[in-house]
Structure formats: C-alpha cells, structure tokens
Amino acid sequence: LLDLYTMLDKLGDLAGKKMVLLGDISHSRV
C-alpha cells in the first residue's frame, strides 16, 4: 500500500505504466 501511495503521488494515473520488480521474487512477500 505504501508503494502504491508513493507511485500514485509521483506519477498520478498508473494505467499503462511499466513496473519492474527486480531481484529475489521467489522469497519476497513484498
């Protein structure tokens, strides 16, 4: 939720934006 808040605050509408989750995905609850 705080990541979402930060993105909305900085970018406004997020539709169509490209986000990369980089690193240890398998073990990440984030």
PDB file of all heavy atoms in Angstrom:
ATOM      1  N   LEU A   1       0.819  -1.210   0.000  1.00  0.00           N
ATOM      2  CA  LEU A   1       0.000   0.000   0.000  1.00  0.00           C
ATOM      3  C   LEU A   1       0.856   1.265   0.000  1.00  0.00           C
ATOM      4  O   LEU A   1       0.542   2.239  -0.678  1.00  0.00           O
ATOM      5  CB  LEU A   1      -0.941  -0.003   1.212  1.00  0.00           C
ATOM      6  CG  LEU A   1      -2.112  -0.989   1.127  1.00  0.00           C
ATOM      7  CD1 LEU A   1      -2.770  -1.151   2.496  1.00  0.00           C
ATOM      8  CD2 LEU A   1      -3.140  -0.538   0.086  1.00  0.00           C
ATOM      9  N   LEU A   2       1.949   1.251   0.764  1.00  0.00           N
ATOM     10  CA  LEU A   2       2.793   2.452   0.789  1.00  0.00           C
ATOM     11  C   LEU A   2       3.536   2.608  -0.539  1.00  0.00           C
ATOM     12  O   LEU A   2       3.790   3.743  -0.977  1.00  0.00           O
ATOM     13  CB  LEU A   2       3.747   2.430   1.983  1.00  0.00           C
ATOM     14  CG  LEU A   2       4.977   1.530   1.960  1.00  0.00           C
ATOM     15  CD1 LEU A   2       6.189   2.219   1.338  1.00  0.00           C
ATOM     16  CD2 LEU A   2       5.350   1.107   3.390  1.00  0.00           C
ATOM     17  N   ASP A   3       3.886   1.495  -1.176  1.00  0.00           N
ATOM     18  CA  ASP A   3       4.485   1.586  -2.509  1.00  0.00           C
ATOM     19  C   ASP A   3       3.476   2.154  -3.500  1.00  0.00           C
ATOM     20  O   ASP A   3       3.815   3.010  -4.333  1.00  0.00           O
ATOM     21  CB  ASP A   3       4.957   0.207  -2.970  1.00  0.00           C
ATOM     22  CG  ASP A   3       6.186  -0.282  -2.218  1.00  0.00           C
ATOM     23  OD1 ASP A   3       6.832   0.522  -1.528  1.00  0.00           O
ATOM     24  OD2 ASP A   3       6.500  -1.475  -2.325  1.00  0.00           O
ATOM     25  N   LEU A   4       2.237   1.688  -3.417  1.00  0.00           N
ATOM     26  CA  LEU A   4       1.174   2.204  -4.276  1.00  0.00           C
ATOM     27  C   LEU A   4       0.978   3.693  -4.052  1.00  0.00           C
ATOM     28  O   LEU A   4       0.866   4.474  -5.015  1.00  0.00           O
ATOM     29  CB  LEU A   4      -0.131   1.446  -3.997  1.00  0.00           C
ATOM     30  CG  LEU A   4      -1.383   1.960  -4.701  1.00  0.00           C
ATOM     31  CD1 LEU A   4      -1.261   1.833  -6.207  1.00  0.00           C
ATOM     32  CD2 LEU A   4      -2.620   1.204  -4.200  1.00  0.00           C
ATOM     33  N   TYR A   5       0.928   4.123  -2.809  1.00  0.00           N
ATOM     34  CA  TYR A   5       0.774   5.540  -2.473  1.00  0.00           C
ATOM     35  C   TYR A   5       1.906   6.359  -3.090  1.00  0.00           C
ATOM     36  O   TYR A   5       1.681   7.422  -3.696  1.00  0.00           O
ATOM     37  CB  TYR A   5       0.743   5.695  -0.947  1.00  0.00           C
ATOM     38  CG  TYR A   5       0.660   7.116  -0.437  1.00  0.00           C
ATOM     39  CD1 TYR A   5       0.232   8.165  -1.228  1.00  0.00           C
ATOM     40  CD2 TYR A   5       1.014   7.413   0.883  1.00  0.00           C
ATOM     41  CE1 TYR A   5       0.156   9.462  -0.744  1.00  0.00           C
ATOM     42  CE2 TYR A   5       0.935   8.695   1.387  1.00  0.00           C
ATOM     43  CZ  TYR A   5       0.518   9.728   0.565  1.00  0.00           C
ATOM     44  OH  TYR A   5       0.448  11.001   1.044  1.00  0.00           O
ATOM     45  N   THR A   6       3.140   5.870  -2.956  1.00  0.00           N
ATOM     46  CA  THR A   6       4.296   6.591  -3.487  1.00  0.00           C
ATOM     47  C   THR A   6       4.202   6.735  -5.003  1.00  0.00           C
ATOM     48  O   THR A   6       4.454   7.813  -5.560  1.00  0.00           O
ATOM     49  CB  THR A   6       5.600   5.855  -3.111  1.00  0.00           C
ATOM     50  OG1 THR A   6       5.660   5.708  -1.687  1.00  0.00           O
ATOM     51  CG2 THR A   6       6.818   6.629  -3.588  1.00  0.00           C
ATOM     52  N   MET A   7       3.814   5.667  -5.686  1.00  0.00           N
ATOM     53  CA  MET A   7       3.696   5.709  -7.144  1.00  0.00           C
ATOM     54  C   MET A   7       2.597   6.666  -7.591  1.00  0.00           C
ATOM     55  O   MET A   7       2.776   7.462  -8.527  1.00  0.00           O
ATOM     56  CB  MET A   7       3.419   4.311  -7.687  1.00  0.00           C
ATOM     57  CG  MET A   7       4.542   3.323  -7.481  1.00  0.00           C
ATOM     58  SD  MET A   7       4.058   1.664  -8.060  1.00  0.00           S
ATOM     59  CE  MET A   7       5.065   0.637  -7.008  1.00  0.00           C
ATOM     60  N   LEU A   8       1.441   6.601  -6.939  1.00  0.00           N
ATOM     61  CA  LEU A   8       0.333   7.499  -7.295  1.00  0.00           C
ATOM     62  C   LEU A   8       0.711   8.954  -7.037  1.00  0.00           C
ATOM     63  O   LEU A   8       0.368   9.844  -7.823  1.00  0.00           O
ATOM     64  CB  LEU A   8      -0.915   7.133  -6.490  1.00  0.00           C
ATOM     65  CG  LEU A   8      -1.617   5.835  -6.884  1.00  0.00           C
ATOM     66  CD1 LEU A   8      -2.666   5.459  -5.840  1.00  0.00           C
ATOM     67  CD2 LEU A   8      -2.274   5.968  -8.253  1.00  0.00           C
ATOM     68  N   ASP A   9       1.420   9.197  -5.957  1.00  0.00           N
ATOM     69  CA  ASP A   9       1.831  10.555  -5.605  1.00  0.00           C
ATOM     70  C   ASP A   9       2.798  11.125  -6.637  1.00  0.00           C
ATOM     71  O   ASP A   9       2.741  12.308  -6.974  1.00  0.00           O
ATOM     72  CB  ASP A   9       2.472  10.545  -4.213  1.00  0.00           C
ATOM     73  CG  ASP A   9       2.833  11.941  -3.734  1.00  0.00           C
ATOM     74  OD1 ASP A   9       1.955  12.819  -3.733  1.00  0.00           O
ATOM     75  OD2 ASP A   9       4.015  12.164  -3.371  1.00  0.00           O
ATOM     76  N   LYS A  10       3.678  10.273  -7.150  1.00  0.00           N
ATOM     77  CA  LYS A  10       4.706  10.736  -8.081  1.00  0.00           C
ATOM     78  C   LYS A  10       4.236  10.744  -9.534  1.00  0.00           C
ATOM     79  O   LYS A  10       4.625  11.616 -10.326  1.00  0.00           O
ATOM     80  CB  LYS A  10       5.941   9.839  -7.967  1.00  0.00           C
ATOM     81  CG  LYS A  10       6.685   9.948  -6.646  1.00  0.00           C
ATOM     82  CD  LYS A  10       7.346  11.288  -6.488  1.00  0.00           C
ATOM     83  CE  LYS A  10       8.195  11.354  -5.235  1.00  0.00           C
ATOM     84  NZ  LYS A  10       8.825  12.684  -5.069  1.00  0.00           N
ATOM     85  N   LEU A  11       3.407   9.772  -9.911  1.00  0.00           N
ATOM     86  CA  LEU A  11       3.072   9.575 -11.321  1.00  0.00           C
ATOM     87  C   LEU A  11       1.612   9.846 -11.663  1.00  0.00           C
ATOM     88  O   LEU A  11       1.270   9.928 -12.840  1.00  0.00           O
ATOM     89  CB  LEU A  11       3.415   8.136 -11.739  1.00  0.00           C
ATOM     90  CG  LEU A  11       4.880   7.720 -11.577  1.00  0.00           C
ATOM     91  CD1 LEU A  11       5.050   6.246 -11.934  1.00  0.00           C
ATOM     92  CD2 LEU A  11       5.797   8.581 -12.430  1.00  0.00           C
ATOM     93  N   GLY A  12       0.753   9.958 -10.660  1.00  0.00           N
ATOM     94  CA  GLY A  12      -0.666  10.132 -10.949  1.00  0.00           C
ATOM     95  C   GLY A  12      -1.275   8.829 -11.441  1.00  0.00           C
ATOM     96  O   GLY A  12      -1.074   7.779 -10.834  1.00  0.00           O
ATOM     97  N   ASP A  13      -2.005   8.875 -12.539  1.00  0.00           N
ATOM     98  CA  ASP A  13      -2.644   7.675 -13.085  1.00  0.00           C
ATOM     99  C   ASP A  13      -1.580   6.634 -13.437  1.00  0.00           C
ATOM    100  O   ASP A  13      -0.607   6.926 -14.146  1.00  0.00           O
ATOM    101  CB  ASP A  13      -3.443   8.057 -14.326  1.00  0.00           C
ATOM    102  CG  ASP A  13      -4.237   6.882 -14.884  1.00  0.00           C
ATOM    103  OD1 ASP A  13      -4.370   5.860 -14.178  1.00  0.00           O
ATOM    104  OD2 ASP A  13      -4.704   6.986 -16.025  1.00  0.00           O
ATOM    105  N   LEU A  14      -1.758   5.422 -12.958  1.00  0.00           N
ATOM    106  CA  LEU A  14      -0.774   4.368 -13.188  1.00  0.00           C
ATOM    107  C   LEU A  14      -1.110   3.460 -14.362  1.00  0.00           C
ATOM    108  O   LEU A  14      -0.287   2.623 -14.750  1.00  0.00           O
ATOM    109  CB  LEU A  14      -0.631   3.509 -11.920  1.00  0.00           C
ATOM    110  CG  LEU A  14      -0.119   4.213 -10.668  1.00  0.00           C
ATOM    111  CD1 LEU A  14      -0.062   3.229  -9.503  1.00  0.00           C
ATOM    112  CD2 LEU A  14       1.241   4.849 -10.912  1.00  0.00           C
ATOM    113  N   ALA A  15      -2.280   3.601 -14.927  1.00  0.00           N
ATOM    114  CA  ALA A  15      -2.697   2.726 -16.023  1.00  0.00           C
ATOM    115  C   ALA A  15      -1.705   2.791 -17.174  1.00  0.00           C
ATOM    116  O   ALA A  15      -1.362   3.874 -17.665  1.00  0.00           O
ATOM    117  CB  ALA A  15      -4.086   3.113 -16.503  1.00  0.00           C
ATOM    118  N   GLY A  16      -1.217   1.625 -17.600  1.00  0.00           N
ATOM    119  CA  GLY A  16      -0.285   1.561 -18.714  1.00  0.00           C
ATOM    120  C   GLY A  16       1.163   1.777 -18.336  1.00  0.00           C
ATOM    121  O   GLY A  16       2.052   1.612 -19.186  1.00  0.00           O
ATOM    122  N   LYS A  17       1.439   2.141 -17.083  1.00  0.00           N
ATOM    123  CA  LYS A  17       2.822   2.307 -16.645  1.00  0.00           C
ATOM    124  C   LYS A  17       3.502   0.946 -16.540  1.00  0.00           C
ATOM    125  O   LYS A  17       2.856  -0.079 -16.298  1.00  0.00           O
ATOM    126  CB  LYS A  17       2.889   3.004 -15.287  1.00  0.00           C
ATOM    127  CG  LYS A  17       2.296   4.410 -15.262  1.00  0.00           C
ATOM    128  CD  LYS A  17       3.088   5.373 -16.122  1.00  0.00           C
ATOM    129  CE  LYS A  17       2.533   6.797 -15.984  1.00  0.00           C
ATOM    130  NZ  LYS A  17       3.226   7.742 -16.894  1.00  0.00           N
ATOM    131  N   LYS A  18       4.811   0.939 -16.723  1.00  0.00           N
ATOM    132  CA  LYS A  18       5.575  -0.300 -16.681  1.00  0.00           C
ATOM    133  C   LYS A  18       6.407  -0.348 -15.404  1.00  0.00           C
ATOM    134  O   LYS A  18       7.232   0.534 -15.167  1.00  0.00           O
ATOM    135  CB  LYS A  18       6.485  -0.408 -17.905  1.00  0.00           C
ATOM    136  CG  LYS A  18       7.340  -1.667 -17.920  1.00  0.00           C
ATOM    137  CD  LYS A  18       8.249  -1.728 -19.155  1.00  0.00           C
ATOM    138  CE  LYS A  18       9.139  -2.967 -19.118  1.00  0.00           C
ATOM    139  NZ  LYS A  18      10.054  -3.014 -20.286  1.00  0.00           N
ATOM    140  N   MET A  19       6.168  -1.360 -14.588  1.00  0.00           N
ATOM    141  CA  MET A  19       6.932  -1.529 -13.363  1.00  0.00           C
ATOM    142  C   MET A  19       7.737  -2.818 -13.430  1.00  0.00           C
ATOM    143  O   MET A  19       7.222  -3.861 -13.854  1.00  0.00           O
ATOM    144  CB  MET A  19       6.031  -1.576 -12.124  1.00  0.00           C
ATOM    145  CG  MET A  19       6.830  -1.712 -10.832  1.00  0.00           C
ATOM    146  SD  MET A  19       5.816  -1.810  -9.336  1.00  0.00           S
ATOM    147  CE  MET A  19       5.353  -3.519  -9.378  1.00  0.00           C
ATOM    148  N   VAL A  20       8.995  -2.747 -12.990  1.00  0.00           N
ATOM    149  CA  VAL A  20       9.849  -3.917 -12.908  1.00  0.00           C
ATOM    150  C   VAL A  20      10.100  -4.243 -11.442  1.00  0.00           C
ATOM    151  O   VAL A  20      10.528  -3.380 -10.671  1.00  0.00           O
ATOM    152  CB  VAL A  20      11.202  -3.678 -13.617  1.00  0.00           C
ATOM    153  CG1 VAL A  20      12.111  -4.892 -13.465  1.00  0.00           C
ATOM    154  CG2 VAL A  20      10.981  -3.358 -15.086  1.00  0.00           C
ATOM    155  N   LEU A  21       9.788  -5.454 -11.038  1.00  0.00           N
ATOM    156  CA  LEU A  21      10.180  -5.970  -9.738  1.00  0.00           C
ATOM    157  C   LEU A  21      11.465  -6.748  -9.960  1.00  0.00           C
ATOM    158  O   LEU A  21      11.477  -7.764 -10.665  1.00  0.00           O
ATOM    159  CB  LEU A  21       9.088  -6.865  -9.153  1.00  0.00           C
ATOM    160  CG  LEU A  21       7.890  -6.137  -8.543  1.00  0.00           C
ATOM    161  CD1 LEU A  21       6.717  -7.080  -8.363  1.00  0.00           C
ATOM    162  CD2 LEU A  21       8.264  -5.506  -7.205  1.00  0.00           C
ATOM    163  N   LEU A  22      12.557  -6.244  -9.395  1.00  0.00           N
ATOM    164  CA  LEU A  22      13.881  -6.746  -9.720  1.00  0.00           C
ATOM    165  C   LEU A  22      14.538  -7.412  -8.514  1.00  0.00           C
ATOM    166  O   LEU A  22      14.705  -6.776  -7.474  1.00  0.00           O
ATOM    167  CB  LEU A  22      14.756  -5.570 -10.194  1.00  0.00           C
ATOM    168  CG  LEU A  22      16.224  -5.858 -10.513  1.00  0.00           C
ATOM    169  CD1 LEU A  22      16.358  -6.868 -11.643  1.00  0.00           C
ATOM    170  CD2 LEU A  22      16.942  -4.549 -10.865  1.00  0.00           C
ATOM    171  N   GLY A  23      14.892  -8.681  -8.652  1.00  0.00           N
ATOM    172  CA  GLY A  23      15.647  -9.340  -7.582  1.00  0.00           C
ATOM    173  C   GLY A  23      15.078 -10.688  -7.193  1.00  0.00           C
ATOM    174  O   GLY A  23      14.654 -11.479  -8.032  1.00  0.00           O
ATOM    175  N   ASP A  24      15.046 -10.917  -5.893  1.00  0.00           N
ATOM    176  CA  ASP A  24      14.610 -12.196  -5.335  1.00  0.00           C
ATOM    177  C   ASP A  24      13.090 -12.224  -5.231  1.00  0.00           C
ATOM    178  O   ASP A  24      12.509 -11.884  -4.196  1.00  0.00           O
ATOM    179  CB  ASP A  24      15.258 -12.385  -3.956  1.00  0.00           C
ATOM    180  CG  ASP A  24      14.928 -13.733  -3.332  1.00  0.00           C
ATOM    181  OD1 ASP A  24      14.188 -14.518  -3.961  1.00  0.00           O
ATOM    182  OD2 ASP A  24      15.406 -13.999  -2.213  1.00  0.00           O
ATOM    183  N   ILE A  25      12.441 -12.622  -6.306  1.00  0.00           N
ATOM    184  CA  ILE A  25      10.977 -12.628  -6.342  1.00  0.00           C
ATOM    185  C   ILE A  25      10.414 -13.804  -5.544  1.00  0.00           C
ATOM    186  O   ILE A  25       9.426 -13.670  -4.822  1.00  0.00           O
ATOM    187  CB  ILE A  25      10.474 -12.706  -7.801  1.00  0.00           C
ATOM    188  CG1 ILE A  25      11.167 -11.671  -8.689  1.00  0.00           C
ATOM    189  CG2 ILE A  25       8.964 -12.531  -7.835  1.00  0.00           C
ATOM    190  CD1 ILE A  25      10.910 -10.253  -8.331  1.00  0.00           C
ATOM    191  N   SER A  26      11.040 -14.955  -5.651  1.00  0.00           N
ATOM    192  CA  SER A  26      10.501 -16.177  -5.049  1.00  0.00           C
ATOM    193  C   SER A  26      10.276 -16.057  -3.551  1.00  0.00           C
ATOM    194  O   SER A  26       9.290 -16.559  -3.016  1.00  0.00           O
ATOM    195  CB  SER A  26      11.442 -17.363  -5.320  1.00  0.00           C
ATOM    196  OG  SER A  26      11.410 -17.735  -6.668  1.00  0.00           O
ATOM    197  N   HIS A  27      11.187 -15.390  -2.857  1.00  0.00           N
ATOM    198  CA  HIS A  27      11.122 -15.347  -1.401  1.00  0.00           C
ATOM    199  C   HIS A  27      10.549 -14.023  -0.868  1.00  0.00           C
ATOM    200  O   HIS A  27      10.579 -13.790   0.343  1.00  0.00           O
ATOM    201  CB  HIS A  27      12.525 -15.565  -0.814  1.00  0.00           C
ATOM    202  CG  HIS A  27      13.150 -16.854  -1.246  1.00  0.00           C
ATOM    203  ND1 HIS A  27      13.940 -16.954  -2.371  1.00  0.00           N
ATOM    204  CD2 HIS A  27      13.074 -18.105  -0.732  1.00  0.00           C
ATOM    205  CE1 HIS A  27      14.350 -18.202  -2.513  1.00  0.00           C
ATOM    206  NE2 HIS A  27      13.834 -18.931  -1.555  1.00  0.00           N
ATOM    207  N   SER A  28      10.048 -13.181  -1.765  1.00  0.00           N
ATOM    208  CA  SER A  28       9.632 -11.830  -1.373  1.00  0.00           C
ATOM    209  C   SER A  28       8.129 -11.705  -1.171  1.00  0.00           C
ATOM    210  O   SER A  28       7.349 -11.846  -2.116  1.00  0.00           O
ATOM    211  CB  SER A  28      10.087 -10.817  -2.428  1.00  0.00           C
ATOM    212  OG  SER A  28       9.597  -9.533  -2.127  1.00  0.00           O
ATOM    213  N   ARG A  29       7.723 -11.407   0.054  1.00  0.00           N
ATOM    214  CA  ARG A  29       6.302 -11.115   0.319  1.00  0.00           C
ATOM    215  C   ARG A  29       5.933  -9.737  -0.229  1.00  0.00           C
ATOM    216  O   ARG A  29       4.788  -9.478  -0.574  1.00  0.00           O
ATOM    217  CB  ARG A  29       6.029 -11.206   1.814  1.00  0.00           C
ATOM    218  CG  ARG A  29       6.966 -10.423   2.701  1.00  0.00           C
ATOM    219  CD  ARG A  29       6.861 -10.900   4.138  1.00  0.00           C
ATOM    220  NE  ARG A  29       7.847 -10.279   5.024  1.00  0.00           N
ATOM    221  CZ  ARG A  29       8.297 -10.846   6.143  1.00  0.00           C
ATOM    222  NH1 ARG A  29       7.852 -12.023   6.518  1.00  0.00           N
ATOM    223  NH2 ARG A  29       9.179 -10.240   6.901  1.00  0.00           N
ATOM    224  N   VAL A  30       6.919  -8.832  -0.315  1.00  0.00           N
ATOM    225  CA  VAL A  30       6.675  -7.508  -0.890  1.00  0.00           C
ATOM    226  C   VAL A  30       6.275  -7.642  -2.360  1.00  0.00           C
ATOM    227  O   VAL A  30       5.368  -6.960  -2.834  1.00  0.00           O
ATOM    228  CB  VAL A  30       7.925  -6.609  -0.759  1.00  0.00           C
ATOM    229  CG1 VAL A  30       7.729  -5.290  -1.507  1.00  0.00           C
ATOM    230  CG2 VAL A  30       8.227  -6.342   0.709  1.00  0.00           C
TER     231      VAL A  30
END
